[in-house]
N, C-alpha and C. Protein backbone atom coordinates (compact mmCIF):
# COMPACT_ATOMS: atom_id res chain seq x y z
N UNK A 1 10.16 -6.37 40.00
CA UNK A 1 9.60 -5.78 38.66
C UNK A 1 8.67 -4.50 39.18
N UNK A 2 8.33 -3.47 38.61
CA UNK A 2 6.92 -2.61 38.83
C UNK A 2 5.51 -2.95 38.39
N UNK A 3 4.65 -3.25 38.90
CA UNK A 3 3.58 -3.29 38.33
C UNK A 3 3.34 -1.75 37.51
N UNK A 4 2.03 -2.48 36.18
CA UNK A 4 2.26 -1.52 35.10
C UNK A 4 0.58 -2.02 34.33
N UNK A 5 0.25 -0.98 34.36
CA UNK A 5 -1.33 -0.87 33.42
C UNK A 5 -1.48 -1.95 32.62
N UNK A 6 -0.64 -1.38 30.91
CA UNK A 6 -0.71 -1.50 29.94
C UNK A 6 0.96 -1.48 29.58
N UNK A 7 0.84 -2.39 28.04
CA UNK A 7 2.17 -3.29 27.77
C UNK A 7 1.79 -2.86 26.38
N UNK A 8 3.43 -2.43 25.77
CA UNK A 8 3.50 -1.65 24.44
C UNK A 8 4.66 -3.05 23.15
N UNK A 9 4.55 -3.89 22.72
CA UNK A 9 5.21 -4.37 22.18
C UNK A 9 5.78 -4.03 20.86
N UNK A 10 6.88 -3.18 21.37
CA UNK A 10 7.68 -2.17 19.58
C UNK A 10 9.09 -2.67 19.25
N UNK A 11 9.13 -4.24 19.68
CA UNK A 11 10.26 -5.15 18.69
C UNK A 11 10.14 -4.94 17.32
N UNK A 12 11.07 -4.87 16.61
CA UNK A 12 11.66 -4.69 15.30
C UNK A 12 11.63 -3.52 14.77
N UNK A 13 11.03 -2.62 15.78
CA UNK A 13 10.59 -0.95 15.41
C UNK A 13 12.08 0.08 15.73
N UNK A 14 12.41 0.85 14.52
CA UNK A 14 13.98 1.96 14.60
C UNK A 14 13.13 2.98 15.54
N UNK A 15 14.19 4.06 15.48
CA UNK A 15 13.64 5.55 15.76
C UNK A 15 13.60 5.84 14.96
N UNK A 16 12.79 7.00 14.55
CA UNK A 16 11.46 7.33 16.01
C UNK A 16 10.40 6.65 16.12
N UNK A 17 10.30 5.60 15.55
CA UNK A 17 8.41 4.74 16.09
C UNK A 17 8.42 4.26 17.12
N UNK A 18 9.58 4.05 17.89
CA UNK A 18 9.15 3.62 19.48
C UNK A 18 8.92 4.70 20.08
N UNK A 19 9.41 6.17 20.43
CA UNK A 19 9.32 7.11 20.92
C UNK A 19 7.51 7.53 20.31
N UNK A 20 7.07 7.82 19.22
CA UNK A 20 6.23 8.08 18.93
C UNK A 20 4.98 7.24 19.04
N UNK A 21 5.05 6.14 19.06
CA UNK A 21 4.17 4.64 19.13
C UNK A 21 4.16 5.21 21.27
N UNK A 22 4.99 5.39 21.49
CA UNK A 22 4.24 5.25 23.31
C UNK A 22 3.66 6.82 23.47
N UNK A 23 4.50 7.92 22.53
CA UNK A 23 3.52 8.84 23.13
C UNK A 23 2.50 8.86 22.96
N UNK A 24 1.56 8.00 21.76
CA UNK A 24 -0.04 7.87 21.27
C UNK A 24 -0.26 7.18 22.55
N UNK A 25 -0.16 6.25 22.82
CA UNK A 25 -0.14 5.16 23.76
C UNK A 25 -0.85 6.33 25.38
N UNK A 26 0.30 6.86 25.07
CA UNK A 26 0.12 7.97 27.17
C UNK A 26 -0.93 8.75 26.99
N UNK A 27 -1.35 9.30 25.56
CA UNK A 27 -2.24 9.85 25.14
C UNK A 27 -3.41 9.53 25.97
N UNK A 28 -3.61 8.25 25.54
CA UNK A 28 -4.24 7.47 25.47
C UNK A 28 -5.09 6.60 27.02
N UNK A 29 -4.47 7.22 28.27
CA UNK A 29 -4.32 6.94 29.10
C UNK A 29 -4.41 7.83 30.27
N UNK A 30 -5.01 7.42 31.61
CA UNK A 30 -4.92 8.36 32.36
C UNK A 30 -3.35 8.72 33.55
N UNK A 31 -3.58 10.14 33.89
CA UNK A 31 -2.62 10.26 34.44
C UNK A 31 -2.21 9.44 35.17
N UNK A 32 -1.06 8.61 35.84
CA UNK A 32 -0.32 8.38 36.68
C UNK A 32 -0.85 6.71 36.65
N UNK A 33 -0.77 6.57 35.48
CA UNK A 33 -0.66 4.53 34.64
C UNK A 33 0.55 4.57 33.56
N UNK A 34 0.94 3.44 34.27
CA UNK A 34 2.52 2.87 34.42
C UNK A 34 2.15 2.30 32.37
N UNK A 35 3.09 2.50 31.69
CA UNK A 35 3.17 1.57 30.43
C UNK A 35 4.45 1.23 30.78
N UNK A 36 4.30 -0.54 30.18
CA UNK A 36 5.59 -0.71 29.99
C UNK A 36 5.85 -1.31 28.50
N UNK A 37 7.41 -0.63 28.32
CA UNK A 37 7.77 -1.03 26.79
C UNK A 37 8.36 -1.86 26.50
N UNK A 38 8.60 -2.16 25.76
CA UNK A 38 9.29 -3.16 25.09
C UNK A 38 10.23 -3.06 24.17
N UNK A 39 11.51 -2.94 23.33
CA UNK A 39 11.60 -2.12 22.08
C UNK A 39 13.00 -3.24 21.98
N UNK A 40 13.30 -3.47 20.34
CA UNK A 40 14.67 -4.32 20.45
C UNK A 40 16.03 -3.22 19.99
N UNK A 41 15.38 -1.58 19.48
CA UNK A 41 16.72 -0.42 18.92
C UNK A 41 17.46 -0.49 20.21
N UNK A 42 18.32 -0.64 19.79
CA UNK A 42 19.97 -0.38 21.24
C UNK A 42 19.51 1.22 21.70
N UNK A 43 18.99 2.21 20.29
CA UNK A 43 19.15 3.69 20.63
C UNK A 43 17.72 3.85 21.81
N UNK A 44 17.07 2.82 22.05
CA UNK A 44 15.80 3.48 22.65
C UNK A 44 16.96 3.69 24.25
N UNK A 45 17.64 3.27 24.85
CA UNK A 45 17.67 3.27 26.08
C UNK A 45 17.89 4.94 26.16
N UNK A 46 18.48 5.65 25.28
CA UNK A 46 18.75 7.41 25.35
C UNK A 46 17.81 7.59 24.95
N UNK A 47 16.85 7.27 23.95
CA UNK A 47 15.58 8.32 23.33
C UNK A 47 15.24 7.76 24.52
N UNK A 48 14.53 7.27 25.19
CA UNK A 48 13.69 7.32 26.20
C UNK A 48 14.14 7.70 27.36
N UNK A 49 14.99 7.75 27.51
CA UNK A 49 15.52 8.64 28.99
C UNK A 49 15.63 9.92 28.69
N UNK A 50 15.93 10.79 27.27
CA UNK A 50 15.55 12.13 26.63
C UNK A 50 14.02 11.87 27.06
N UNK A 51 13.43 11.78 26.26
CA UNK A 51 11.29 11.65 26.32
C UNK A 51 11.57 11.97 27.81
N UNK A 52 12.08 11.11 28.86
CA UNK A 52 11.73 11.23 30.05
C UNK A 52 11.46 12.68 30.69
N UNK A 53 12.61 13.34 30.32
CA UNK A 53 13.58 14.32 30.80
C UNK A 53 13.20 15.77 29.94
N UNK A 54 12.42 15.22 28.52
CA UNK A 54 11.02 16.47 28.02
C UNK A 54 10.49 16.89 28.35
N UNK A 55 9.71 15.42 29.03
CA UNK A 55 8.20 15.21 29.08
C UNK A 55 7.73 15.49 30.54
N UNK A 56 7.06 15.54 31.23
CA UNK A 56 6.03 15.18 32.25
C UNK A 56 5.92 13.97 32.50
N UNK A 57 6.05 13.13 31.74
CA UNK A 57 6.03 11.71 32.14
C UNK A 57 7.46 10.58 33.00
N UNK A 58 7.30 10.33 34.04
CA UNK A 58 8.09 9.58 34.58
C UNK A 58 8.88 8.39 34.16
N UNK A 59 10.15 7.86 33.75
CA UNK A 59 10.68 6.92 33.35
C UNK A 59 11.24 6.39 34.97
N UNK A 60 10.46 5.07 35.25
CA UNK A 60 10.22 4.32 36.77
C UNK A 60 11.60 3.59 36.47
N UNK A 61 11.42 2.95 35.25
CA UNK A 61 12.78 2.01 35.17
C UNK A 61 12.68 1.46 34.22
N UNK A 62 14.27 1.36 33.92
CA UNK A 62 14.66 0.77 32.01
C UNK A 62 15.46 -0.47 32.41
N UNK A 63 15.85 -1.92 31.91
CA UNK A 63 16.43 -2.31 30.93
C UNK A 63 16.49 -2.92 30.36
N UNK A 64 17.75 -4.47 30.10
CA UNK A 64 17.83 -5.10 29.13
C UNK A 64 16.95 -6.55 29.99
N UNK A 65 16.74 -6.77 29.08
CA UNK A 65 16.08 -8.20 29.30
C UNK A 65 16.21 -9.20 27.93
N UNK A 66 17.06 -10.02 27.96
CA UNK A 66 17.55 -11.06 26.41
C UNK A 66 18.13 -9.93 25.53
N UNK A 67 17.55 -10.22 24.61
CA UNK A 67 18.13 -9.49 23.15
C UNK A 67 17.32 -8.00 23.40
N UNK A 68 15.88 -7.73 23.67
CA UNK A 68 15.91 -6.48 24.42
C UNK A 68 16.00 -5.52 25.25
N UNK A 69 14.82 -3.79 25.40
CA UNK A 69 15.30 -3.28 26.66
C UNK A 69 13.58 -3.49 27.17
N UNK A 70 13.33 -3.24 28.02
CA UNK A 70 12.51 -2.20 28.97
C UNK A 70 12.52 -1.58 29.53
N UNK A 71 11.22 -0.69 29.64
CA UNK A 71 11.25 0.63 29.51
C UNK A 71 9.68 0.65 31.00
N UNK A 72 10.03 1.35 32.08
CA UNK A 72 8.05 1.40 32.87
C UNK A 72 8.32 3.32 32.38
N UNK A 73 7.22 3.69 31.76
CA UNK A 73 7.36 5.14 32.37
C UNK A 73 5.34 5.45 32.63
N UNK A 74 5.70 6.43 33.70
CA UNK A 74 4.21 6.92 34.07
C UNK A 74 4.06 8.47 33.52
N UNK A 75 2.30 8.10 33.64
CA UNK A 75 1.85 9.54 32.48
C UNK A 75 2.19 10.43 33.38
N UNK A 76 2.32 11.40 32.78
CA UNK A 76 2.28 12.65 33.98
C UNK A 76 1.05 13.26 33.69
N UNK A 77 1.24 14.35 34.81
CA UNK A 77 -0.31 15.36 34.29
C UNK A 77 -0.20 15.50 33.52
């Protein structure tokens, strides 16, 4: 697993809240910082992939860990 600067536990939240909270968290960090996001919503897998494609942020890694999903997003410029 890659290293990260901040972790955001969004388990228990359903779409669109994980993306909205992530967007707010990314706005509060410097470009280049990596945030690890943990969710429980299965729809997050496609949501975070689409979010990265539509923004300047880079999805470094994603996967499933037990019953949760994790994402490593690097803030873009």
